[in-house]
Amino acid sequence: MDKRNLTEIRKSLIWSIPLFLLLLTMSIWSILYSLYQTVDDLNKLAPSVRITPFVPIALCVPIISITGIIIAIQKSVPCTEDAIKIPTRIFYPP
């Protein structure tokens, strides 16, 4: 896919924005369900606490999802390269 072909970028928005919204919803659900329950158990001084390795990753997924939605919308609307530069650096570091 050509990076500057607007019709291809707009076609990809049909599946990319719902996918990012699904990731955002699932990560927020995971944070509320797992992380909140773990912190609550720690607060109650529970004898055993289940700490899963996915929860720290789930904290980063909402930021990535929101940034992905912003970049997808910015690329579908014709604008200058300077406006896209900062959010693009999050996904593609130099």
PDB file of N, CA and C in Angstrom:
ATOM      1  N   MET A   1       0.834  -1.171   0.000  1.00  0.00           N
ATOM      2  CA  MET A   1       0.000   0.000   0.000  1.00  0.00           C
ATOM      3  C   MET A   1       0.886   1.245   0.000  1.00  0.00           C
ATOM      4  N   ASP A   2       0.562   2.158  -0.863  1.00  0.00           N
ATOM      5  CA  ASP A   2       1.295   3.413  -0.951  1.00  0.00           C
ATOM      6  C   ASP A   2       0.952   4.268   0.271  1.00  0.00           C
ATOM      7  N   LYS A   3       1.981   4.869   0.888  1.00  0.00           N
ATOM      8  CA  LYS A   3       1.762   5.652   2.099  1.00  0.00           C
ATOM      9  C   LYS A   3       0.952   6.916   1.856  1.00  0.00           C
ATOM     10  N   ARG A   4       0.919   7.395   0.631  1.00  0.00           N
ATOM     11  CA  ARG A   4       0.246   8.653   0.354  1.00  0.00           C
ATOM     12  C   ARG A   4      -1.046   8.485  -0.450  1.00  0.00           C
ATOM     13  N   ASN A   5      -1.469   7.269  -0.716  1.00  0.00           N
ATOM     14  CA  ASN A   5      -2.683   7.030  -1.471  1.00  0.00           C
ATOM     15  C   ASN A   5      -3.879   7.151  -0.521  1.00  0.00           C
ATOM     16  N   LEU A   6      -4.624   8.251  -0.645  1.00  0.00           N
ATOM     17  CA  LEU A   6      -5.711   8.534   0.289  1.00  0.00           C
ATOM     18  C   LEU A   6      -6.844   7.529   0.199  1.00  0.00           C
ATOM     19  N   THR A   7      -7.128   7.025  -0.993  1.00  0.00           N
ATOM     20  CA  THR A   7      -8.231   6.060  -1.106  1.00  0.00           C
ATOM     21  C   THR A   7      -7.902   4.764  -0.376  1.00  0.00           C
ATOM     22  N   GLU A   8      -6.656   4.312  -0.443  1.00  0.00           N
ATOM     23  CA  GLU A   8      -6.261   3.093   0.269  1.00  0.00           C
ATOM     24  C   GLU A   8      -6.266   3.324   1.786  1.00  0.00           C
ATOM     25  N   ILE A   9      -5.819   4.494   2.205  1.00  0.00           N
ATOM     26  CA  ILE A   9      -5.807   4.806   3.637  1.00  0.00           C
ATOM     27  C   ILE A   9      -7.235   4.863   4.160  1.00  0.00           C
ATOM     28  N   ARG A  10      -8.124   5.485   3.408  1.00  0.00           N
ATOM     29  CA  ARG A  10      -9.518   5.578   3.851  1.00  0.00           C
ATOM     30  C   ARG A  10     -10.198   4.211   3.857  1.00  0.00           C
ATOM     31  N   LYS A  11      -9.825   3.328   2.928  1.00  0.00           N
ATOM     32  CA  LYS A  11     -10.370   1.966   2.951  1.00  0.00           C
ATOM     33  C   LYS A  11      -9.884   1.202   4.170  1.00  0.00           C
ATOM     34  N   SER A  12      -8.637   1.428   4.575  1.00  0.00           N
ATOM     35  CA  SER A  12      -8.113   0.727   5.740  1.00  0.00           C
ATOM     36  C   SER A  12      -8.748   1.211   7.036  1.00  0.00           C
ATOM     37  N   LEU A  13      -9.335   2.403   7.037  1.00  0.00           N
ATOM     38  CA  LEU A  13      -9.998   2.913   8.240  1.00  0.00           C
ATOM     39  C   LEU A  13     -11.238   2.096   8.588  1.00  0.00           C
ATOM     40  N   ILE A  14     -11.806   1.405   7.599  1.00  0.00           N
ATOM     41  CA  ILE A  14     -13.002   0.602   7.848  1.00  0.00           C
ATOM     42  C   ILE A  14     -12.721  -0.483   8.884  1.00  0.00           C
ATOM     43  N   TRP A  15     -11.529  -1.059   8.848  1.00  0.00           N
ATOM     44  CA  TRP A  15     -11.203  -2.097   9.828  1.00  0.00           C
ATOM     45  C   TRP A  15     -10.242  -1.616  10.904  1.00  0.00           C
ATOM     46  N   SER A  16      -9.446  -0.594  10.644  1.00  0.00           N
ATOM     47  CA  SER A  16      -8.437  -0.208  11.639  1.00  0.00           C
ATOM     48  C   SER A  16      -9.034   0.531  12.833  1.00  0.00           C
ATOM     49  N   ILE A  17      -9.958   1.446  12.610  1.00  0.00           N
ATOM     50  CA  ILE A  17     -10.543   2.177  13.739  1.00  0.00           C
ATOM     51  C   ILE A  17     -11.370   1.241  14.630  1.00  0.00           C
ATOM     52  N   PRO A  18     -12.225   0.360  14.084  1.00  0.00           N
ATOM     53  CA  PRO A  18     -12.908  -0.583  14.987  1.00  0.00           C
ATOM     54  C   PRO A  18     -11.941  -1.515  15.725  1.00  0.00           C
ATOM     55  N   LEU A  19     -10.849  -1.898  15.073  1.00  0.00           N
ATOM     56  CA  LEU A  19      -9.872  -2.750  15.742  1.00  0.00           C
ATOM     57  C   LEU A  19      -9.216  -2.012  16.910  1.00  0.00           C
ATOM     58  N   PHE A  20      -8.832  -0.767  16.694  1.00  0.00           N
ATOM     59  CA  PHE A  20      -8.245   0.019  17.780  1.00  0.00           C
ATOM     60  C   PHE A  20      -9.259   0.252  18.903  1.00  0.00           C
ATOM     61  N   LEU A  21     -10.532   0.472  18.553  1.00  0.00           N
ATOM     62  CA  LEU A  21     -11.551   0.645  19.582  1.00  0.00           C
ATOM     63  C   LEU A  21     -11.770  -0.641  20.374  1.00  0.00           C
ATOM     64  N   LEU A  22     -11.706  -1.787  19.696  1.00  0.00           N
ATOM     65  CA  LEU A  22     -11.820  -3.072  20.391  1.00  0.00           C
ATOM     66  C   LEU A  22     -10.640  -3.276  21.345  1.00  0.00           C
ATOM     67  N   LEU A  23      -9.432  -2.976  20.879  1.00  0.00           N
ATOM     68  CA  LEU A  23      -8.261  -3.077  21.752  1.00  0.00           C
ATOM     69  C   LEU A  23      -8.382  -2.140  22.949  1.00  0.00           C
ATOM     70  N   LEU A  24      -8.865  -0.940  22.709  1.00  0.00           N
ATOM     71  CA  LEU A  24      -9.037   0.031  23.782  1.00  0.00           C
ATOM     72  C   LEU A  24     -10.053  -0.474  24.805  1.00  0.00           C
ATOM     73  N   THR A  25     -11.177  -0.994  24.332  1.00  0.00           N
ATOM     74  CA  THR A  25     -12.216  -1.496  25.227  1.00  0.00           C
ATOM     75  C   THR A  25     -11.732  -2.694  26.034  1.00  0.00           C
ATOM     76  N   MET A  26     -11.068  -3.631  25.366  1.00  0.00           N
ATOM     77  CA  MET A  26     -10.599  -4.826  26.054  1.00  0.00           C
ATOM     78  C   MET A  26      -9.509  -4.491  27.084  1.00  0.00           C
ATOM     79  N   SER A  27      -8.643  -3.562  26.767  1.00  0.00           N
ATOM     80  CA  SER A  27      -7.594  -3.217  27.726  1.00  0.00           C
ATOM     81  C   SER A  27      -8.168  -2.478  28.927  1.00  0.00           C
ATOM     82  N   ILE A  28      -9.134  -1.608  28.705  1.00  0.00           N
ATOM     83  CA  ILE A  28      -9.769  -0.918  29.837  1.00  0.00           C
ATOM     84  C   ILE A  28     -10.522  -1.925  30.696  1.00  0.00           C
ATOM     85  N   TRP A  29     -11.198  -2.880  30.067  1.00  0.00           N
ATOM     86  CA  TRP A  29     -11.880  -3.935  30.820  1.00  0.00           C
ATOM     87  C   TRP A  29     -10.879  -4.752  31.635  1.00  0.00           C
ATOM     88  N   SER A  30      -9.762  -5.083  31.026  1.00  0.00           N
ATOM     89  CA  SER A  30      -8.735  -5.857  31.724  1.00  0.00           C
ATOM     90  C   SER A  30      -8.157  -5.078  32.895  1.00  0.00           C
ATOM     91  N   ILE A  31      -7.933  -3.797  32.689  1.00  0.00           N
ATOM     92  CA  ILE A  31      -7.403  -2.966  33.779  1.00  0.00           C
ATOM     93  C   ILE A  31      -8.407  -2.906  34.925  1.00  0.00           C
ATOM     94  N   LEU A  32      -9.670  -2.677  34.594  1.00  0.00           N
ATOM     95  CA  LEU A  32     -10.672  -2.572  35.648  1.00  0.00           C
ATOM     96  C   LEU A  32     -10.882  -3.903  36.356  1.00  0.00           C
ATOM     97  N   TYR A  33     -10.852  -5.004  35.619  1.00  0.00           N
ATOM     98  CA  TYR A  33     -11.117  -6.306  36.209  1.00  0.00           C
ATOM     99  C   TYR A  33      -9.895  -6.857  36.954  1.00  0.00           C
ATOM    100  N   SER A  34      -8.767  -6.929  36.280  1.00  0.00           N
ATOM    101  CA  SER A  34      -7.588  -7.564  36.879  1.00  0.00           C
ATOM    102  C   SER A  34      -6.826  -6.638  37.815  1.00  0.00           C
ATOM    103  N   LEU A  35      -6.474  -5.472  37.324  1.00  0.00           N
ATOM    104  CA  LEU A  35      -5.629  -4.583  38.118  1.00  0.00           C
ATOM    105  C   LEU A  35      -6.361  -4.074  39.357  1.00  0.00           C
ATOM    106  N   TYR A  36      -7.602  -3.701  39.179  1.00  0.00           N
ATOM    107  CA  TYR A  36      -8.363  -3.200  40.323  1.00  0.00           C
ATOM    108  C   TYR A  36      -8.533  -4.289  41.374  1.00  0.00           C
ATOM    109  N   GLN A  37      -8.821  -5.511  40.946  1.00  0.00           N
ATOM    110  CA  GLN A  37      -8.991  -6.613  41.877  1.00  0.00           C
ATOM    111  C   GLN A  37      -7.674  -6.936  42.600  1.00  0.00           C
ATOM    112  N   THR A  38      -6.565  -6.878  41.883  1.00  0.00           N
ATOM    113  CA  THR A  38      -5.264  -7.148  42.497  1.00  0.00           C
ATOM    114  C   THR A  38      -4.912  -6.087  43.531  1.00  0.00           C
ATOM    115  N   VAL A  39      -5.116  -4.838  43.198  1.00  0.00           N
ATOM    116  CA  VAL A  39      -4.825  -3.752  44.144  1.00  0.00           C
ATOM    117  C   VAL A  39      -5.752  -3.834  45.351  1.00  0.00           C
ATOM    118  N   ASP A  40      -7.015  -4.182  45.118  1.00  0.00           N
ATOM    119  CA  ASP A  40      -7.957  -4.329  46.223  1.00  0.00           C
ATOM    120  C   ASP A  40      -7.542  -5.480  47.144  1.00  0.00           C
ATOM    121  N   ASP A  41      -7.079  -6.597  46.559  1.00  0.00           N
ATOM    122  CA  ASP A  41      -6.594  -7.714  47.376  1.00  0.00           C
ATOM    123  C   ASP A  41      -5.347  -7.325  48.169  1.00  0.00           C
ATOM    124  N   LEU A  42      -4.461  -6.575  47.565  1.00  0.00           N
ATOM    125  CA  LEU A  42      -3.275  -6.106  48.292  1.00  0.00           C
ATOM    126  C   LEU A  42      -3.664  -5.175  49.435  1.00  0.00           C
ATOM    127  N   ASN A  43      -4.669  -4.357  49.193  1.00  0.00           N
ATOM    128  CA  ASN A  43      -5.133  -3.431  50.227  1.00  0.00           C
ATOM    129  C   ASN A  43      -5.756  -4.176  51.398  1.00  0.00           C
ATOM    130  N   LYS A  44      -6.430  -5.292  51.112  1.00  0.00           N
ATOM    131  CA  LYS A  44      -7.073  -6.083  52.167  1.00  0.00           C
ATOM    132  C   LYS A  44      -6.101  -7.066  52.830  1.00  0.00           C
ATOM    133  N   LEU A  45      -4.840  -7.035  52.408  1.00  0.00           N
ATOM    134  CA  LEU A  45      -3.809  -7.932  52.931  1.00  0.00           C
ATOM    135  C   LEU A  45      -4.192  -9.405  52.743  1.00  0.00           C
ATOM    136  N   ALA A  46      -4.614  -9.722  51.534  1.00  0.00           N
ATOM    137  CA  ALA A  46      -4.999 -11.089  51.204  1.00  0.00           C
ATOM    138  C   ALA A  46      -3.788 -12.012  51.295  1.00  0.00           C
ATOM    139  N   PRO A  47      -3.994 -13.276  51.698  1.00  0.00           N
ATOM    140  CA  PRO A  47      -2.861 -14.196  51.812  1.00  0.00           C
ATOM    141  C   PRO A  47      -2.234 -14.565  50.468  1.00  0.00           C
ATOM    142  N   SER A  48      -3.010 -14.514  49.400  1.00  0.00           N
ATOM    143  CA  SER A  48      -2.453 -14.787  48.068  1.00  0.00           C
ATOM    144  C   SER A  48      -3.033 -13.796  47.076  1.00  0.00           C
ATOM    145  N   VAL A  49      -2.178 -13.334  46.199  1.00  0.00           N
ATOM    146  CA  VAL A  49      -2.573 -12.356  45.185  1.00  0.00           C
ATOM    147  C   VAL A  49      -2.098 -12.869  43.839  1.00  0.00           C
ATOM    148  N   ARG A  50      -2.989 -12.833  42.846  1.00  0.00           N
ATOM    149  CA  ARG A  50      -2.642 -13.281  41.504  1.00  0.00           C
ATOM    150  C   ARG A  50      -2.182 -12.074  40.684  1.00  0.00           C
ATOM    151  N   ILE A  51      -0.926 -12.056  40.332  1.00  0.00           N
ATOM    152  CA  ILE A  51      -0.372 -10.991  39.497  1.00  0.00           C
ATOM    153  C   ILE A  51      -0.025 -11.608  38.155  1.00  0.00           C
ATOM    154  N   THR A  52      -0.669 -11.136  37.124  1.00  0.00           N
ATOM    155  CA  THR A  52      -0.450 -11.686  35.782  1.00  0.00           C
ATOM    156  C   THR A  52       0.456 -10.760  34.991  1.00  0.00           C
ATOM    157  N   PRO A  53       1.212 -11.298  34.049  1.00  0.00           N
ATOM    158  CA  PRO A  53       2.128 -10.445  33.285  1.00  0.00           C
ATOM    159  C   PRO A  53       1.428  -9.559  32.259  1.00  0.00           C
ATOM    160  N   PHE A  54       0.154  -9.820  31.977  1.00  0.00           N
ATOM    161  CA  PHE A  54      -0.538  -9.019  30.964  1.00  0.00           C
ATOM    162  C   PHE A  54      -0.958  -7.652  31.485  1.00  0.00           C
ATOM    163  N   VAL A  55      -1.181  -7.522  32.773  1.00  0.00           N
ATOM    164  CA  VAL A  55      -1.725  -6.278  33.324  1.00  0.00           C
ATOM    165  C   VAL A  55      -0.814  -5.077  33.078  1.00  0.00           C
ATOM    166  N   PRO A  56       0.515  -5.161  33.283  1.00  0.00           N
ATOM    167  CA  PRO A  56       1.338  -3.989  32.957  1.00  0.00           C
ATOM    168  C   PRO A  56       1.298  -3.624  31.466  1.00  0.00           C
ATOM    169  N   ILE A  57       1.165  -4.630  30.619  1.00  0.00           N
ATOM    170  CA  ILE A  57       1.051  -4.349  29.186  1.00  0.00           C
ATOM    171  C   ILE A  57      -0.290  -3.698  28.892  1.00  0.00           C
ATOM    172  N   ALA A  58      -1.333  -4.136  29.587  1.00  0.00           N
ATOM    173  CA  ALA A  58      -2.667  -3.574  29.358  1.00  0.00           C
ATOM    174  C   ALA A  58      -2.731  -2.093  29.719  1.00  0.00           C
ATOM    175  N   LEU A  59      -1.842  -1.638  30.577  1.00  0.00           N
ATOM    176  CA  LEU A  59      -1.812  -0.216  30.905  1.00  0.00           C
ATOM    177  C   LEU A  59      -1.344   0.631  29.727  1.00  0.00           C
ATOM    178  N   CYS A  60      -0.522   0.054  28.842  1.00  0.00           N
ATOM    179  CA  CYS A  60       0.005   0.798  27.697  1.00  0.00           C
ATOM    180  C   CYS A  60      -0.906   0.739  26.482  1.00  0.00           C
ATOM    181  N   VAL A  61      -1.736  -0.278  26.381  1.00  0.00           N
ATOM    182  CA  VAL A  61      -2.558  -0.483  25.185  1.00  0.00           C
ATOM    183  C   VAL A  61      -3.539   0.662  24.934  1.00  0.00           C
ATOM    184  N   PRO A  62      -4.210   1.251  25.948  1.00  0.00           N
ATOM    185  CA  PRO A  62      -5.102   2.378  25.635  1.00  0.00           C
ATOM    186  C   PRO A  62      -4.378   3.557  24.995  1.00  0.00           C
ATOM    187  N   ILE A  63      -3.165   3.835  25.447  1.00  0.00           N
ATOM    188  CA  ILE A  63      -2.399   4.946  24.862  1.00  0.00           C
ATOM    189  C   ILE A  63      -2.064   4.643  23.409  1.00  0.00           C
ATOM    190  N   ILE A  64      -1.647   3.405  23.142  1.00  0.00           N
ATOM    191  CA  ILE A  64      -1.314   3.019  21.770  1.00  0.00           C
ATOM    192  C   ILE A  64      -2.556   3.045  20.891  1.00  0.00           C
ATOM    193  N   SER A  65      -3.696   2.584  21.413  1.00  0.00           N
ATOM    194  CA  SER A  65      -4.929   2.565  20.623  1.00  0.00           C
ATOM    195  C   SER A  65      -5.401   3.972  20.278  1.00  0.00           C
ATOM    196  N   ILE A  66      -5.377   4.856  21.252  1.00  0.00           N
ATOM    197  CA  ILE A  66      -5.803   6.239  20.994  1.00  0.00           C
ATOM    198  C   ILE A  66      -4.859   6.908  20.005  1.00  0.00           C
ATOM    199  N   THR A  67      -3.557   6.670  20.152  1.00  0.00           N
ATOM    200  CA  THR A  67      -2.588   7.235  19.210  1.00  0.00           C
ATOM    201  C   THR A  67      -2.799   6.663  17.811  1.00  0.00           C
ATOM    202  N   GLY A  68      -3.094   5.367  17.702  1.00  0.00           N
ATOM    203  CA  GLY A  68      -3.357   4.760  16.396  1.00  0.00           C
ATOM    204  C   GLY A  68      -4.577   5.350  15.719  1.00  0.00           C
ATOM    205  N   ILE A  69      -5.625   5.610  16.483  1.00  0.00           N
ATOM    206  CA  ILE A  69      -6.824   6.234  15.918  1.00  0.00           C
ATOM    207  C   ILE A  69      -6.509   7.643  15.441  1.00  0.00           C
ATOM    208  N   ILE A  70      -5.760   8.395  16.238  1.00  0.00           N
ATOM    209  CA  ILE A  70      -5.396   9.766  15.848  1.00  0.00           C
ATOM    210  C   ILE A  70      -4.562   9.762  14.574  1.00  0.00           C
ATOM    211  N   ILE A  71      -3.585   8.865  14.488  1.00  0.00           N
ATOM    212  CA  ILE A  71      -2.740   8.805  13.290  1.00  0.00           C
ATOM    213  C   ILE A  71      -3.559   8.397  12.070  1.00  0.00           C
ATOM    214  N   ALA A  72      -4.464   7.436  12.231  1.00  0.00           N
ATOM    215  CA  ALA A  72      -5.286   6.994  11.100  1.00  0.00           C
ATOM    216  C   ALA A  72      -6.161   8.128  10.585  1.00  0.00           C
ATOM    217  N   ILE A  73      -6.735   8.887  11.490  1.00  0.00           N
ATOM    218  CA  ILE A  73      -7.572  10.015  11.067  1.00  0.00           C
ATOM    219  C   ILE A  73      -6.723  11.102  10.431  1.00  0.00           C
ATOM    220  N   GLN A  74      -5.532  11.372  10.995  1.00  0.00           N
ATOM    221  CA  GLN A  74      -4.673  12.405  10.416  1.00  0.00           C
ATOM    222  C   GLN A  74      -4.198  12.017   9.026  1.00  0.00           C
ATOM    223  N   LYS A  75      -3.934  10.742   8.804  1.00  0.00           N
ATOM    224  CA  LYS A  75      -3.473  10.330   7.482  1.00  0.00           C
ATOM    225  C   LYS A  75      -4.595  10.303   6.462  1.00  0.00           C
ATOM    226  N   SER A  76      -5.839  10.137   6.913  1.00  0.00           N
ATOM    227  CA  SER A  76      -6.949  10.109   5.963  1.00  0.00           C
ATOM    228  C   SER A  76      -7.386  11.507   5.546  1.00  0.00           C
ATOM    229  N   VAL A  77      -7.093  12.491   6.381  1.00  0.00           N
ATOM    230  CA  VAL A  77      -7.412  13.878   6.052  1.00  0.00           C
ATOM    231  C   VAL A  77      -6.132  14.536   5.548  1.00  0.00           C
ATOM    232  N   PRO A  78      -6.166  15.147   4.375  1.00  0.00           N
ATOM    233  CA  PRO A  78      -4.946  15.777   3.875  1.00  0.00           C
ATOM    234  C   PRO A  78      -4.492  16.916   4.800  1.00  0.00           C
ATOM    235  N   CYS A  79      -3.293  16.785   5.345  1.00  0.00           N
ATOM    236  CA  CYS A  79      -2.717  17.828   6.181  1.00  0.00           C
ATOM    237  C   CYS A  79      -1.202  17.807   5.985  1.00  0.00           C
ATOM    238  N   THR A  80      -0.529  18.737   6.624  1.00  0.00           N
ATOM    239  CA  THR A  80       0.915  18.841   6.434  1.00  0.00           C
ATOM    240  C   THR A  80       1.639  17.709   7.156  1.00  0.00           C
ATOM    241  N   GLU A  81       2.860  17.465   6.743  1.00  0.00           N
ATOM    242  CA  GLU A  81       3.662  16.415   7.366  1.00  0.00           C
ATOM    243  C   GLU A  81       4.046  16.768   8.799  1.00  0.00           C
ATOM    244  N   ASP A  82       4.150  18.059   9.109  1.00  0.00           N
ATOM    245  CA  ASP A  82       4.510  18.461  10.468  1.00  0.00           C
ATOM    246  C   ASP A  82       3.427  18.077  11.472  1.00  0.00           C
ATOM    247  N   ALA A  83       2.167  18.079  11.050  1.00  0.00           N
ATOM    248  CA  ALA A  83       1.082  17.723  11.962  1.00  0.00           C
ATOM    249  C   ALA A  83       1.103  16.236  12.305  1.00  0.00           C
ATOM    250  N   ILE A  84       1.608  15.406  11.403  1.00  0.00           N
ATOM    251  CA  ILE A  84       1.634  13.957  11.613  1.00  0.00           C
ATOM    252  C   ILE A  84       2.936  13.510  12.258  1.00  0.00           C
ATOM    253  N   LYS A  85       3.950  14.351  12.274  1.00  0.00           N
ATOM    254  CA  LYS A  85       5.293  13.946  12.693  1.00  0.00           C
ATOM    255  C   LYS A  85       5.344  13.414  14.126  1.00  0.00           C
ATOM    256  N   ILE A  86       4.751  14.117  15.072  1.00  0.00           N
ATOM    257  CA  ILE A  86       4.866  13.716  16.485  1.00  0.00           C
ATOM    258  C   ILE A  86       4.155  12.389  16.771  1.00  0.00           C
ATOM    259  N   PRO A  87       2.874  12.219  16.387  1.00  0.00           N
ATOM    260  CA  PRO A  87       2.248  10.916  16.665  1.00  0.00           C
ATOM    261  C   PRO A  87       2.901   9.758  15.911  1.00  0.00           C
ATOM    262  N   THR A  88       3.449  10.020  14.745  1.00  0.00           N
ATOM    263  CA  THR A  88       4.082   8.948  13.969  1.00  0.00           C
ATOM    264  C   THR A  88       5.356   8.478  14.647  1.00  0.00           C
ATOM    265  N   ARG A  89       6.047   9.352  15.343  1.00  0.00           N
ATOM    266  CA  ARG A  89       7.285   8.957  16.044  1.00  0.00           C
ATOM    267  C   ARG A  89       7.015   7.929  17.147  1.00  0.00           C
ATOM    268  N   ILE A  90       5.783   7.911  17.663  1.00  0.00           N
ATOM    269  CA  ILE A  90       5.455   6.935  18.696  1.00  0.00           C
ATOM    270  C   ILE A  90       5.525   5.523  18.126  1.00  0.00           C
ATOM    271  N   PHE A  91       5.034   5.328  16.899  1.00  0.00           N
ATOM    272  CA  PHE A  91       5.046   4.015  16.280  1.00  0.00           C
ATOM    273  C   PHE A  91       6.331   3.713  15.532  1.00  0.00           C
ATOM    274  N   TYR A  92       6.927   4.724  14.923  1.00  0.00           N
ATOM    275  CA  TYR A  92       8.130   4.527  14.110  1.00  0.00           C
ATOM    276  C   TYR A  92       9.251   5.411  14.635  1.00  0.00           C
ATOM    277  N   PRO A  93       9.957   4.982  15.679  1.00  0.00           N
ATOM    278  CA  PRO A  93      11.046   5.819  16.200  1.00  0.00           C
ATOM    279  C   PRO A  93      12.181   5.928  15.178  1.00  0.00           C
ATOM    280  N   PRO A  94      12.941   7.025  15.242  1.00  0.00           N
ATOM    281  CA  PRO A  94      14.015   7.217  14.236  1.00  0.00           C
ATOM    282  C   PRO A  94      15.140   6.230  14.372  1.00  0.00           C
TER     283      PRO A  94
END
